[in-house]
N, C-alpha and C. Protein backbone atom coordinates (compact mmCIF):
# COMPACT_ATOMS: atom_id res chain seq x y z
N UNK A 1 -23.74 12.53 -60.64
CA UNK A 1 -24.16 11.93 -59.58
C UNK A 1 -23.84 12.75 -58.24
N UNK A 2 -24.74 12.62 -57.36
CA UNK A 2 -24.65 13.52 -56.20
C UNK A 2 -23.69 12.93 -55.13
N UNK A 3 -22.84 13.93 -54.69
CA UNK A 3 -21.72 13.39 -53.66
C UNK A 3 -22.42 12.95 -52.43
N UNK A 4 -22.08 11.94 -51.84
CA UNK A 4 -22.63 11.56 -50.58
C UNK A 4 -22.05 12.41 -49.33
N UNK A 5 -22.99 12.72 -48.32
CA UNK A 5 -22.53 13.68 -47.26
C UNK A 5 -22.55 12.86 -46.12
N UNK A 6 -21.24 12.78 -45.58
CA UNK A 6 -20.85 11.91 -44.24
C UNK A 6 -19.91 12.76 -43.46
N UNK A 7 -20.30 12.99 -42.32
CA UNK A 7 -19.43 13.65 -41.39
C UNK A 7 -18.40 12.83 -40.81
N UNK A 8 -17.29 13.46 -40.68
CA UNK A 8 -15.99 12.87 -40.12
C UNK A 8 -16.15 12.63 -38.72
N UNK A 9 -15.66 11.36 -38.33
CA UNK A 9 -15.63 10.89 -36.97
C UNK A 9 -14.97 11.67 -35.96
N UNK A 10 -13.63 12.14 -36.46
CA UNK A 10 -12.90 12.87 -35.59
C UNK A 10 -13.31 14.38 -35.52
N UNK A 11 -13.70 14.88 -36.64
CA UNK A 11 -14.01 16.49 -36.78
C UNK A 11 -15.52 16.50 -37.26
N UNK A 12 -16.35 16.32 -36.35
CA UNK A 12 -17.74 16.09 -36.45
C UNK A 12 -18.48 17.30 -37.33
N UNK A 13 -18.04 18.45 -37.25
CA UNK A 13 -18.38 19.51 -38.23
C UNK A 13 -18.00 19.44 -39.60
N UNK A 14 -17.00 18.61 -39.95
CA UNK A 14 -16.54 18.53 -41.24
C UNK A 14 -17.15 17.25 -42.04
N UNK A 15 -17.09 17.45 -43.32
CA UNK A 15 -17.74 16.25 -44.29
C UNK A 15 -16.40 15.52 -44.76
N UNK A 16 -16.67 14.28 -45.03
CA UNK A 16 -15.55 13.35 -45.64
C UNK A 16 -15.77 13.61 -47.03
N UNK A 17 -14.65 14.36 -47.51
CA UNK A 17 -14.77 14.44 -49.08
C UNK A 17 -13.51 14.38 -49.69
N UNK A 18 -12.47 13.76 -49.19
CA UNK A 18 -11.17 13.30 -49.72
C UNK A 18 -11.07 11.87 -49.56
N UNK A 19 -10.06 11.40 -50.49
CA UNK A 19 -9.48 10.11 -50.42
C UNK A 19 -8.11 10.23 -50.28
N UNK A 20 -7.32 9.68 -49.32
CA UNK A 20 -6.03 9.50 -49.27
C UNK A 20 -5.50 8.24 -49.80
N UNK A 21 -4.69 8.52 -51.09
CA UNK A 21 -4.38 7.28 -51.79
C UNK A 21 -3.23 6.46 -50.87
N UNK A 22 -2.35 7.15 -50.36
CA UNK A 22 -1.36 6.41 -49.54
C UNK A 22 -1.96 5.42 -48.43
N UNK A 23 -2.90 5.89 -47.71
CA UNK A 23 -3.57 5.29 -46.51
C UNK A 23 -4.68 4.60 -46.84
N UNK A 24 -5.22 4.88 -48.08
CA UNK A 24 -6.52 4.36 -48.51
C UNK A 24 -7.54 4.62 -47.44
N UNK A 25 -7.73 5.75 -47.16
CA UNK A 25 -8.75 6.15 -46.22
C UNK A 25 -9.71 7.41 -46.60
N UNK A 26 -10.87 7.53 -46.28
CA UNK A 26 -11.71 8.60 -46.62
C UNK A 26 -11.45 9.58 -45.30
N UNK A 27 -11.26 10.74 -45.64
CA UNK A 27 -10.81 11.76 -44.76
C UNK A 27 -11.52 13.22 -45.09
N UNK A 28 -11.42 14.05 -44.20
CA UNK A 28 -11.93 15.45 -44.18
C UNK A 28 -10.72 16.34 -44.31
N UNK A 29 -10.89 17.56 -44.67
CA UNK A 29 -9.90 18.54 -44.75
C UNK A 29 -8.94 18.71 -43.49
N UNK A 30 -9.54 18.55 -42.42
CA UNK A 30 -8.75 18.48 -41.18
C UNK A 30 -7.99 17.53 -40.92
N UNK A 31 -8.40 16.34 -41.37
CA UNK A 31 -7.65 15.02 -41.34
C UNK A 31 -6.33 15.10 -42.12
N UNK A 32 -6.69 15.68 -43.46
CA UNK A 32 -5.65 15.91 -44.39
C UNK A 32 -4.50 16.81 -43.59
N UNK A 33 -4.81 17.98 -43.11
CA UNK A 33 -3.95 18.77 -42.31
C UNK A 33 -3.18 18.36 -41.32
N UNK A 34 -3.97 17.47 -40.34
CA UNK A 34 -3.36 16.77 -39.15
C UNK A 34 -2.62 15.64 -39.54
N UNK A 35 -3.00 14.59 -40.38
CA UNK A 35 -2.17 13.53 -40.63
C UNK A 35 -1.88 12.99 -41.91
N UNK A 36 -2.11 13.72 -42.96
CA UNK A 36 -2.03 13.18 -44.46
C UNK A 36 -1.37 14.36 -45.22
N UNK A 37 -0.57 15.26 -44.59
CA UNK A 37 -0.19 16.29 -45.34
C UNK A 37 0.51 16.15 -46.79
N UNK A 38 1.47 15.16 -46.78
CA UNK A 38 2.26 14.88 -48.00
C UNK A 38 1.83 13.66 -48.81
N UNK A 39 0.56 13.30 -48.51
CA UNK A 39 0.16 12.14 -49.11
C UNK A 39 -0.59 12.59 -50.51
N UNK A 40 -0.67 11.71 -51.42
CA UNK A 40 -1.50 11.94 -52.63
C UNK A 40 -3.05 11.87 -52.18
N UNK A 41 -3.79 12.81 -52.73
CA UNK A 41 -5.15 13.05 -52.36
C UNK A 41 -6.12 12.85 -53.66
N UNK A 42 -7.38 12.42 -53.50
CA UNK A 42 -8.03 12.49 -54.58
C UNK A 42 -9.39 13.03 -54.04
N UNK A 43 -10.19 13.78 -54.86
CA UNK A 43 -11.63 14.09 -54.32
C UNK A 43 -12.32 12.81 -54.26
N UNK A 44 -13.41 12.66 -53.24
CA UNK A 44 -14.02 11.48 -52.94
C UNK A 44 -14.79 10.90 -54.20
N UNK A 45 -15.47 11.81 -55.07
CA UNK A 45 -16.10 11.37 -56.08
C UNK A 45 -15.14 10.75 -57.19
N UNK A 46 -13.99 11.31 -57.33
CA UNK A 46 -12.89 10.85 -58.30
C UNK A 46 -12.34 9.39 -57.84
N UNK A 47 -12.26 9.24 -56.53
CA UNK A 47 -11.77 7.78 -55.98
C UNK A 47 -12.83 6.78 -55.80
N UNK A 48 -14.02 7.08 -56.32
CA UNK A 48 -15.16 6.13 -56.26
C UNK A 48 -14.77 4.68 -56.60
N UNK A 49 -14.12 4.70 -57.99
CA UNK A 49 -13.73 3.34 -58.48
C UNK A 49 -12.68 2.70 -57.66
N UNK A 50 -11.83 3.43 -57.00
CA UNK A 50 -10.90 2.63 -56.10
C UNK A 50 -11.59 2.07 -54.73
N UNK A 51 -12.46 3.00 -54.36
CA UNK A 51 -13.17 2.70 -53.04
C UNK A 51 -14.07 1.32 -53.50
N UNK A 52 -14.85 1.46 -54.69
CA UNK A 52 -15.71 0.12 -54.98
C UNK A 52 -14.83 -0.95 -55.21
N UNK A 53 -13.60 -0.75 -55.75
CA UNK A 53 -12.77 -1.93 -55.97
C UNK A 53 -12.29 -2.67 -54.64
N UNK A 54 -11.86 -1.78 -53.84
CA UNK A 54 -11.45 -2.15 -52.44
C UNK A 54 -12.50 -2.87 -51.76
N UNK A 55 -13.83 -2.40 -51.77
CA UNK A 55 -14.96 -2.81 -51.17
C UNK A 55 -15.24 -4.27 -51.79
N UNK A 56 -15.24 -4.40 -53.08
CA UNK A 56 -15.43 -5.62 -53.69
C UNK A 56 -14.44 -6.74 -53.13
N UNK A 57 -13.05 -6.26 -53.10
CA UNK A 57 -12.05 -7.26 -52.62
C UNK A 57 -12.28 -7.81 -51.27
N UNK A 58 -12.68 -6.69 -50.20
CA UNK A 58 -12.95 -7.01 -49.01
C UNK A 58 -14.16 -7.94 -48.74
N UNK A 59 -15.21 -7.75 -49.63
CA UNK A 59 -16.45 -8.50 -49.46
C UNK A 59 -16.34 -10.00 -50.10
N UNK A 60 -15.36 -9.96 -51.01
CA UNK A 60 -15.17 -11.30 -51.54
C UNK A 60 -13.92 -12.08 -51.02
N UNK A 61 -12.69 -11.58 -51.34
CA UNK A 61 -11.56 -12.50 -51.05
C UNK A 61 -11.25 -12.30 -49.52
N UNK A 62 -11.50 -11.23 -48.80
CA UNK A 62 -11.03 -11.17 -47.55
C UNK A 62 -12.23 -11.56 -46.59
N UNK A 63 -13.39 -11.94 -47.13
CA UNK A 63 -14.42 -12.28 -46.16
C UNK A 63 -14.19 -13.38 -45.31
N UNK A 64 -13.62 -14.35 -45.90
CA UNK A 64 -13.23 -15.71 -45.14
C UNK A 64 -12.17 -15.18 -44.02
N UNK A 65 -11.17 -14.51 -44.35
CA UNK A 65 -10.10 -14.05 -43.50
C UNK A 65 -10.63 -13.20 -42.31
N UNK A 66 -11.72 -12.36 -42.66
CA UNK A 66 -12.13 -11.50 -41.63
C UNK A 66 -13.12 -12.29 -40.80
N UNK A 67 -13.87 -13.19 -41.25
CA UNK A 67 -14.74 -14.05 -40.65
C UNK A 67 -13.84 -14.87 -39.53
N UNK A 68 -12.75 -15.39 -39.97
CA UNK A 68 -11.82 -16.17 -39.28
C UNK A 68 -11.21 -15.27 -37.94
N UNK A 69 -10.93 -14.02 -38.35
CA UNK A 69 -10.31 -12.88 -37.34
C UNK A 69 -11.50 -12.77 -36.44
N UNK A 70 -12.60 -12.58 -36.88
CA UNK A 70 -13.73 -12.33 -35.94
C UNK A 70 -13.99 -13.60 -34.94
N UNK A 71 -13.94 -14.75 -35.41
CA UNK A 71 -13.97 -15.96 -34.65
C UNK A 71 -12.95 -15.86 -33.61
N UNK A 72 -11.68 -15.60 -33.99
CA UNK A 72 -10.62 -15.65 -33.14
C UNK A 72 -10.80 -14.54 -32.02
N UNK A 73 -11.33 -13.39 -32.52
CA UNK A 73 -11.60 -12.43 -31.40
C UNK A 73 -12.61 -12.75 -30.48
N UNK A 74 -13.73 -13.60 -31.01
CA UNK A 74 -14.71 -13.95 -30.01
C UNK A 74 -14.31 -15.11 -29.06
N UNK A 75 -13.46 -16.11 -29.65
CA UNK A 75 -12.91 -17.18 -28.79
C UNK A 75 -11.87 -16.37 -27.68
N UNK A 76 -11.17 -15.51 -28.12
CA UNK A 76 -10.31 -14.77 -27.06
C UNK A 76 -10.97 -14.05 -25.97
N UNK A 77 -12.11 -13.36 -26.48
CA UNK A 77 -12.92 -12.72 -25.43
C UNK A 77 -13.47 -13.80 -24.63
N UNK A 78 -14.11 -14.95 -25.06
CA UNK A 78 -14.71 -15.88 -24.20
C UNK A 78 -13.65 -16.34 -23.24
N UNK A 79 -12.57 -16.78 -23.76
CA UNK A 79 -11.49 -17.35 -22.82
C UNK A 79 -11.10 -16.45 -21.82
N UNK A 80 -10.95 -15.20 -22.16
CA UNK A 80 -10.68 -14.10 -21.24
C UNK A 80 -11.63 -13.97 -20.07
N UNK A 81 -13.00 -14.05 -20.70
CA UNK A 81 -13.87 -13.81 -19.65
C UNK A 81 -13.89 -15.07 -18.60
N UNK A 82 -13.79 -16.32 -19.01
CA UNK A 82 -13.64 -17.47 -18.22
C UNK A 82 -12.61 -17.37 -17.26
N UNK A 83 -11.34 -16.86 -17.94
CA UNK A 83 -10.09 -16.76 -17.11
C UNK A 83 -10.30 -15.71 -16.02
N UNK A 84 -10.87 -14.60 -16.45
CA UNK A 84 -11.13 -13.62 -15.55
C UNK A 84 -12.06 -14.06 -14.21
N UNK A 85 -13.05 -14.93 -14.55
CA UNK A 85 -13.77 -15.49 -13.38
C UNK A 85 -13.09 -16.48 -12.62
N UNK A 86 -12.01 -17.15 -12.97
CA UNK A 86 -11.03 -17.93 -12.39
C UNK A 86 -10.09 -17.13 -11.51
N UNK A 87 -9.57 -16.02 -12.35
CA UNK A 87 -8.68 -15.12 -11.71
C UNK A 87 -9.30 -14.20 -10.59
N UNK A 88 -10.61 -13.95 -10.73
CA UNK A 88 -11.33 -13.35 -9.73
C UNK A 88 -11.29 -14.12 -8.35
N UNK A 89 -11.76 -15.40 -8.64
CA UNK A 89 -11.88 -16.39 -7.47
C UNK A 89 -10.53 -16.48 -6.85
N UNK A 90 -9.47 -16.66 -7.55
CA UNK A 90 -8.18 -16.71 -7.10
C UNK A 90 -7.90 -15.47 -6.22
N UNK A 91 -7.89 -14.45 -6.85
CA UNK A 91 -7.71 -13.11 -6.20
C UNK A 91 -8.70 -13.13 -4.78
N UNK A 92 -9.87 -13.39 -4.92
CA UNK A 92 -10.61 -13.26 -3.70
C UNK A 92 -10.00 -14.37 -2.50
N UNK A 93 -9.74 -15.45 -3.10
CA UNK A 93 -8.99 -16.68 -2.10
C UNK A 93 -7.83 -16.00 -1.47
N UNK A 94 -6.98 -15.46 -2.35
CA UNK A 94 -5.71 -14.76 -1.88
C UNK A 94 -5.98 -13.86 -0.83
N UNK A 95 -6.96 -13.00 -1.21
CA UNK A 95 -7.29 -11.78 -0.22
C UNK A 95 -7.73 -12.44 0.97
N UNK A 96 -8.55 -13.47 0.95
CA UNK A 96 -9.11 -14.00 2.17
C UNK A 96 -8.13 -14.69 3.05
N UNK A 97 -7.06 -15.37 2.38
CA UNK A 97 -5.88 -16.15 3.10
C UNK A 97 -5.10 -14.99 3.71
N UNK A 98 -4.69 -13.82 2.97
CA UNK A 98 -4.02 -12.79 3.44
C UNK A 98 -4.56 -12.09 4.52
N UNK A 99 -5.82 -11.79 4.67
CA UNK A 99 -6.54 -11.36 5.79
C UNK A 99 -6.54 -12.31 6.95
N UNK A 100 -6.69 -13.55 6.62
CA UNK A 100 -6.68 -14.60 7.82
C UNK A 100 -5.38 -14.43 8.50
N UNK A 101 -4.30 -14.50 7.47
CA UNK A 101 -2.82 -14.50 8.04
C UNK A 101 -2.40 -13.29 8.88
N UNK A 102 -2.94 -12.18 8.38
CA UNK A 102 -2.78 -10.71 8.84
C UNK A 102 -3.45 -10.90 10.41
N UNK A 103 -4.80 -11.37 10.34
CA UNK A 103 -5.55 -11.51 11.56
C UNK A 103 -4.67 -12.39 12.57
N UNK A 104 -4.09 -13.43 12.26
CA UNK A 104 -3.40 -14.43 13.18
C UNK A 104 -2.10 -13.62 13.72
N UNK A 105 -1.46 -12.93 12.74
CA UNK A 105 -0.24 -12.45 13.23
C UNK A 105 -0.58 -11.15 14.16
N UNK A 106 -1.70 -10.58 14.04
CA UNK A 106 -2.11 -9.47 15.05
C UNK A 106 -2.33 -10.15 16.33
N UNK A 107 -3.21 -11.22 16.18
CA UNK A 107 -3.41 -11.84 17.58
C UNK A 107 -2.35 -12.33 18.23
N UNK A 108 -1.40 -12.94 17.50
CA UNK A 108 -0.08 -13.29 18.09
C UNK A 108 0.70 -12.27 18.61
N UNK A 109 0.80 -11.28 17.99
CA UNK A 109 1.54 -9.84 18.47
C UNK A 109 0.94 -9.38 19.59
N UNK A 110 -0.46 -9.38 19.77
CA UNK A 110 -1.18 -8.87 20.76
C UNK A 110 -0.80 -9.68 22.06
N UNK A 111 -1.00 -11.15 21.94
CA UNK A 111 -0.55 -12.05 22.96
C UNK A 111 0.69 -11.85 23.40
N UNK A 112 1.79 -11.70 22.47
CA UNK A 112 3.30 -11.32 22.87
C UNK A 112 3.22 -10.16 23.73
N UNK A 113 2.49 -9.01 23.22
CA UNK A 113 2.52 -7.75 24.02
C UNK A 113 2.18 -7.86 25.42
N UNK A 114 0.84 -8.50 25.39
CA UNK A 114 0.22 -8.72 26.65
C UNK A 114 1.17 -9.53 27.73
N UNK A 115 1.85 -10.60 27.31
CA UNK A 115 2.70 -11.28 27.87
C UNK A 115 3.98 -10.41 28.37
N UNK A 116 4.57 -9.65 27.47
CA UNK A 116 5.67 -8.82 27.80
C UNK A 116 5.23 -7.81 28.92
N UNK A 117 4.01 -7.35 28.65
CA UNK A 117 3.69 -6.28 29.81
C UNK A 117 3.40 -6.84 31.03
N UNK A 118 2.81 -8.13 31.19
CA UNK A 118 2.77 -8.93 32.51
C UNK A 118 4.16 -9.14 33.04
N UNK A 119 4.94 -9.49 32.27
CA UNK A 119 6.39 -9.71 32.68
C UNK A 119 7.04 -8.51 33.35
N UNK A 120 6.97 -7.40 32.64
CA UNK A 120 7.29 -6.09 33.01
C UNK A 120 6.68 -5.69 34.34
N UNK A 121 5.41 -5.80 34.27
CA UNK A 121 4.73 -5.47 35.48
C UNK A 121 5.12 -6.33 36.76
N UNK A 122 5.34 -7.56 36.57
CA UNK A 122 5.70 -8.36 37.53
C UNK A 122 7.09 -7.98 38.05
N UNK A 123 8.05 -7.76 37.19
CA UNK A 123 9.27 -7.16 37.52
C UNK A 123 9.29 -5.82 38.47
N UNK A 124 8.33 -4.91 37.79
CA UNK A 124 8.06 -3.68 38.47
C UNK A 124 7.76 -3.90 39.93
N UNK A 125 6.76 -4.63 40.08
CA UNK A 125 6.28 -5.04 41.49
C UNK A 125 7.46 -5.47 42.30
N UNK A 126 8.21 -6.55 41.83
CA UNK A 126 9.36 -6.99 42.50
C UNK A 126 10.39 -5.84 42.88
N UNK A 127 10.57 -5.09 42.03
CA UNK A 127 11.57 -3.83 42.01
C UNK A 127 10.87 -2.97 43.08
N UNK A 128 9.74 -2.56 43.09
CA UNK A 128 9.00 -1.69 43.97
C UNK A 128 9.27 -2.26 45.49
N UNK A 129 9.03 -3.58 45.54
CA UNK A 129 8.89 -4.39 46.82
C UNK A 129 10.28 -4.36 47.38
N UNK A 130 11.33 -4.51 46.65
CA UNK A 130 12.66 -4.44 47.01
C UNK A 130 13.19 -2.98 47.39
N UNK A 131 12.52 -2.04 46.74
CA UNK A 131 12.83 -0.65 47.05
C UNK A 131 12.20 -0.22 48.33
N UNK A 132 11.02 -0.49 48.55
CA UNK A 132 10.31 -0.41 49.63
C UNK A 132 11.00 -0.98 50.86
N UNK A 133 11.61 -2.26 50.64
CA UNK A 133 12.24 -2.78 51.80
C UNK A 133 13.61 -2.28 52.14
N UNK A 134 14.29 -1.77 51.02
CA UNK A 134 15.52 -1.15 51.25
C UNK A 134 15.25 0.37 51.95
N UNK A 135 14.29 1.06 51.57
CA UNK A 135 14.01 2.39 52.15
C UNK A 135 13.47 2.26 53.64
N UNK A 136 12.79 1.13 53.77
CA UNK A 136 12.22 0.82 55.15
C UNK A 136 13.27 0.53 56.15
N UNK A 137 14.35 -0.24 55.69
CA UNK A 137 15.55 -0.68 56.39
C UNK A 137 16.29 0.47 56.66
N UNK A 138 16.43 1.41 55.73
CA UNK A 138 17.32 2.59 55.78
C UNK A 138 16.70 3.68 56.77
N UNK A 139 15.44 3.62 56.73
CA UNK A 139 14.57 4.64 57.60
C UNK A 139 14.77 4.08 58.93
N UNK A 140 14.54 2.64 59.21
CA UNK A 140 14.66 2.13 60.62
C UNK A 140 16.24 2.31 60.97
N UNK A 141 17.19 2.25 60.24
CA UNK A 141 18.62 2.40 60.62
C UNK A 141 18.63 3.88 61.13
N UNK A 142 18.32 4.74 60.13
CA UNK A 142 18.32 6.21 60.64
C UNK A 142 17.69 6.54 61.94
N UNK A 143 16.45 5.82 62.29
CA UNK A 143 15.94 6.20 63.40
C UNK A 143 16.49 5.68 64.54
N UNK A 144 17.15 4.42 64.52
CA UNK A 144 17.84 3.89 65.51
C UNK A 144 19.14 4.82 65.85
N UNK A 145 19.88 5.14 64.69
CA UNK A 145 20.96 5.97 65.10
C UNK A 145 20.63 7.36 65.80
N UNK A 146 19.44 7.95 65.26
CA UNK A 146 19.06 9.14 65.97
C UNK A 146 18.87 9.07 67.38
N UNK A 147 18.15 7.90 67.98
CA UNK A 147 18.02 7.42 69.29
C UNK A 147 19.09 7.48 69.96
N UNK A 148 20.13 6.71 69.33
CA UNK A 148 21.30 6.33 70.24
C UNK A 148 22.49 7.48 70.12
N UNK A 149 22.55 8.32 68.96
CA UNK A 149 23.63 9.12 68.80
C UNK A 149 22.90 10.65 68.39
N UNK A 150 23.28 11.63 69.11
CA UNK A 150 22.95 12.95 68.96
C UNK A 150 23.80 13.53 67.77
N UNK A 151 25.13 13.25 67.68
CA UNK A 151 25.97 13.84 66.77
C UNK A 151 26.57 12.95 65.75
N UNK A 152 26.82 13.30 64.57
CA UNK A 152 27.37 12.58 63.55
C UNK A 152 28.71 11.86 63.92
N UNK A 153 29.31 12.85 64.62
CA UNK A 153 30.68 12.53 65.04
C UNK A 153 30.86 11.33 66.00
N UNK A 154 29.78 11.13 66.66
CA UNK A 154 29.57 9.97 67.67
C UNK A 154 29.37 8.76 66.93
N UNK A 155 29.11 8.82 65.73
CA UNK A 155 28.84 7.54 65.03
C UNK A 155 30.24 7.09 64.39
N UNK A 156 30.61 5.85 64.48
CA UNK A 156 31.81 5.05 64.01
C UNK A 156 31.82 5.37 62.58
N UNK A 157 33.08 5.57 62.01
CA UNK A 157 33.22 5.82 60.57
C UNK A 157 32.80 4.67 59.84
N UNK A 158 32.81 3.49 60.05
CA UNK A 158 32.41 2.45 59.28
C UNK A 158 30.77 2.46 59.34
N UNK A 159 29.90 2.97 60.37
CA UNK A 159 28.65 2.96 60.28
C UNK A 159 28.17 4.26 59.40
N UNK A 160 29.03 5.22 59.51
CA UNK A 160 28.80 6.50 58.65
C UNK A 160 28.81 6.05 57.27
N UNK A 161 29.65 5.20 56.83
CA UNK A 161 29.87 4.74 55.42
C UNK A 161 28.72 4.08 55.08
N UNK A 162 28.36 2.93 56.01
CA UNK A 162 27.31 2.10 55.85
C UNK A 162 25.86 2.79 55.72
N UNK A 163 25.75 3.83 56.50
CA UNK A 163 24.51 4.69 56.51
C UNK A 163 24.40 5.44 55.24
N UNK A 164 25.56 6.11 54.82
CA UNK A 164 25.66 6.99 53.70
C UNK A 164 25.34 6.07 52.33
N UNK A 165 25.93 4.69 52.40
CA UNK A 165 25.75 3.94 51.33
C UNK A 165 24.06 3.44 51.15
N UNK A 166 23.62 3.16 52.34
CA UNK A 166 22.13 2.81 52.35
C UNK A 166 21.36 3.84 51.91
N UNK A 167 21.68 5.03 52.21
CA UNK A 167 20.80 6.37 51.99
C UNK A 167 20.84 6.55 50.40
N UNK A 168 22.04 6.28 49.79
CA UNK A 168 22.29 6.60 48.32
C UNK A 168 21.63 5.27 47.66
N UNK A 169 21.72 4.18 48.15
CA UNK A 169 20.92 3.04 47.55
C UNK A 169 19.53 3.34 47.46
N UNK A 170 18.95 3.86 48.65
CA UNK A 170 17.46 4.12 48.75
C UNK A 170 17.23 5.22 47.78
N UNK A 171 17.89 6.07 47.62
CA UNK A 171 17.57 7.32 46.70
C UNK A 171 17.58 6.83 45.31
N UNK A 172 18.68 6.12 44.95
CA UNK A 172 18.85 5.49 43.64
C UNK A 172 17.63 4.58 43.29
N UNK A 173 17.24 3.70 44.37
CA UNK A 173 16.09 2.90 44.10
C UNK A 173 14.82 3.59 43.92
N UNK A 174 14.72 4.57 44.55
CA UNK A 174 13.48 5.58 44.29
C UNK A 174 13.41 5.99 42.86
N UNK A 175 14.57 6.33 42.36
CA UNK A 175 14.67 7.09 40.97
C UNK A 175 14.49 6.02 40.24
N UNK A 176 14.88 4.65 40.39
CA UNK A 176 14.63 3.68 39.33
C UNK A 176 13.27 3.26 39.34
N UNK A 177 12.63 3.19 40.55
CA UNK A 177 11.25 3.02 40.52
C UNK A 177 10.49 3.92 39.81
N UNK A 178 10.61 5.27 39.85
CA UNK A 178 10.03 6.38 38.98
C UNK A 178 10.36 5.99 37.58
N UNK A 179 11.42 5.69 37.15
CA UNK A 179 11.90 5.36 35.83
C UNK A 179 11.09 4.26 35.06
N UNK A 180 11.08 3.28 35.93
CA UNK A 180 10.48 1.97 35.67
C UNK A 180 8.95 2.19 35.36
N UNK A 181 8.43 3.01 36.23
CA UNK A 181 6.87 3.39 36.13
C UNK A 181 6.64 4.03 34.95
N UNK A 182 7.46 5.02 34.47
CA UNK A 182 7.29 5.64 33.23
C UNK A 182 7.29 4.82 32.06
N UNK A 183 8.42 3.72 32.13
CA UNK A 183 8.43 2.77 30.97
C UNK A 183 7.15 1.98 30.92
N UNK A 184 6.58 1.67 31.90
CA UNK A 184 5.42 0.89 31.82
C UNK A 184 4.23 1.54 31.49
C-alpha cells in the first residue's frame, strides 16, 4: 500500500511520516526532534491500525460529545457577540458621559479663572489708583516744601520724617504696582 504524502503544518517542507504513541499525533521528523524526543514512535504506515481505531472511536462514540461541544462553542460565541454589542453601547455611553463631564469641568474652571482674573484686575486698578494718589500727594508735598524751604535743615524734624516716610511709601507703592502688573 502506498504511503500517504501529507506535509507538516509546522514544518511545511517536511512530510508527516511518524506517529507519536504517547501523544497520539501524526508528526514529521522535525516535530519529533522539537517536541517528542523520548516518546515511543511508529512509522505512519505501521500505526495505521491505531489511527483507524481512534478515528472509528471519534466518529462513533465521541460524535455526540463533539457535537455538544460544538453547540456549546456556538452558543458561547453567540452570547459573546450579543454581550459585546451591549458592552460596546455601554462603553460608548460611558465615553460620552465622561466627555460631557470633562467639558462641564473645563467650562467651570474657565469661568472661575475669568472671575479670578477680573477680581485680580479690579484689585490691581484699585492699587494703582491708591499708588497714584500717594505719589501725587508726595509730589505735591515735595513741591510745597521746595517753594517754602531752600534747605533741608530749615524743615522741622517731624516734617523731614513725614516727608521721608511718604517718599519711601511712594517708592514701595511703585514697586508693588510693577510686581502686581507682572503677576497679572
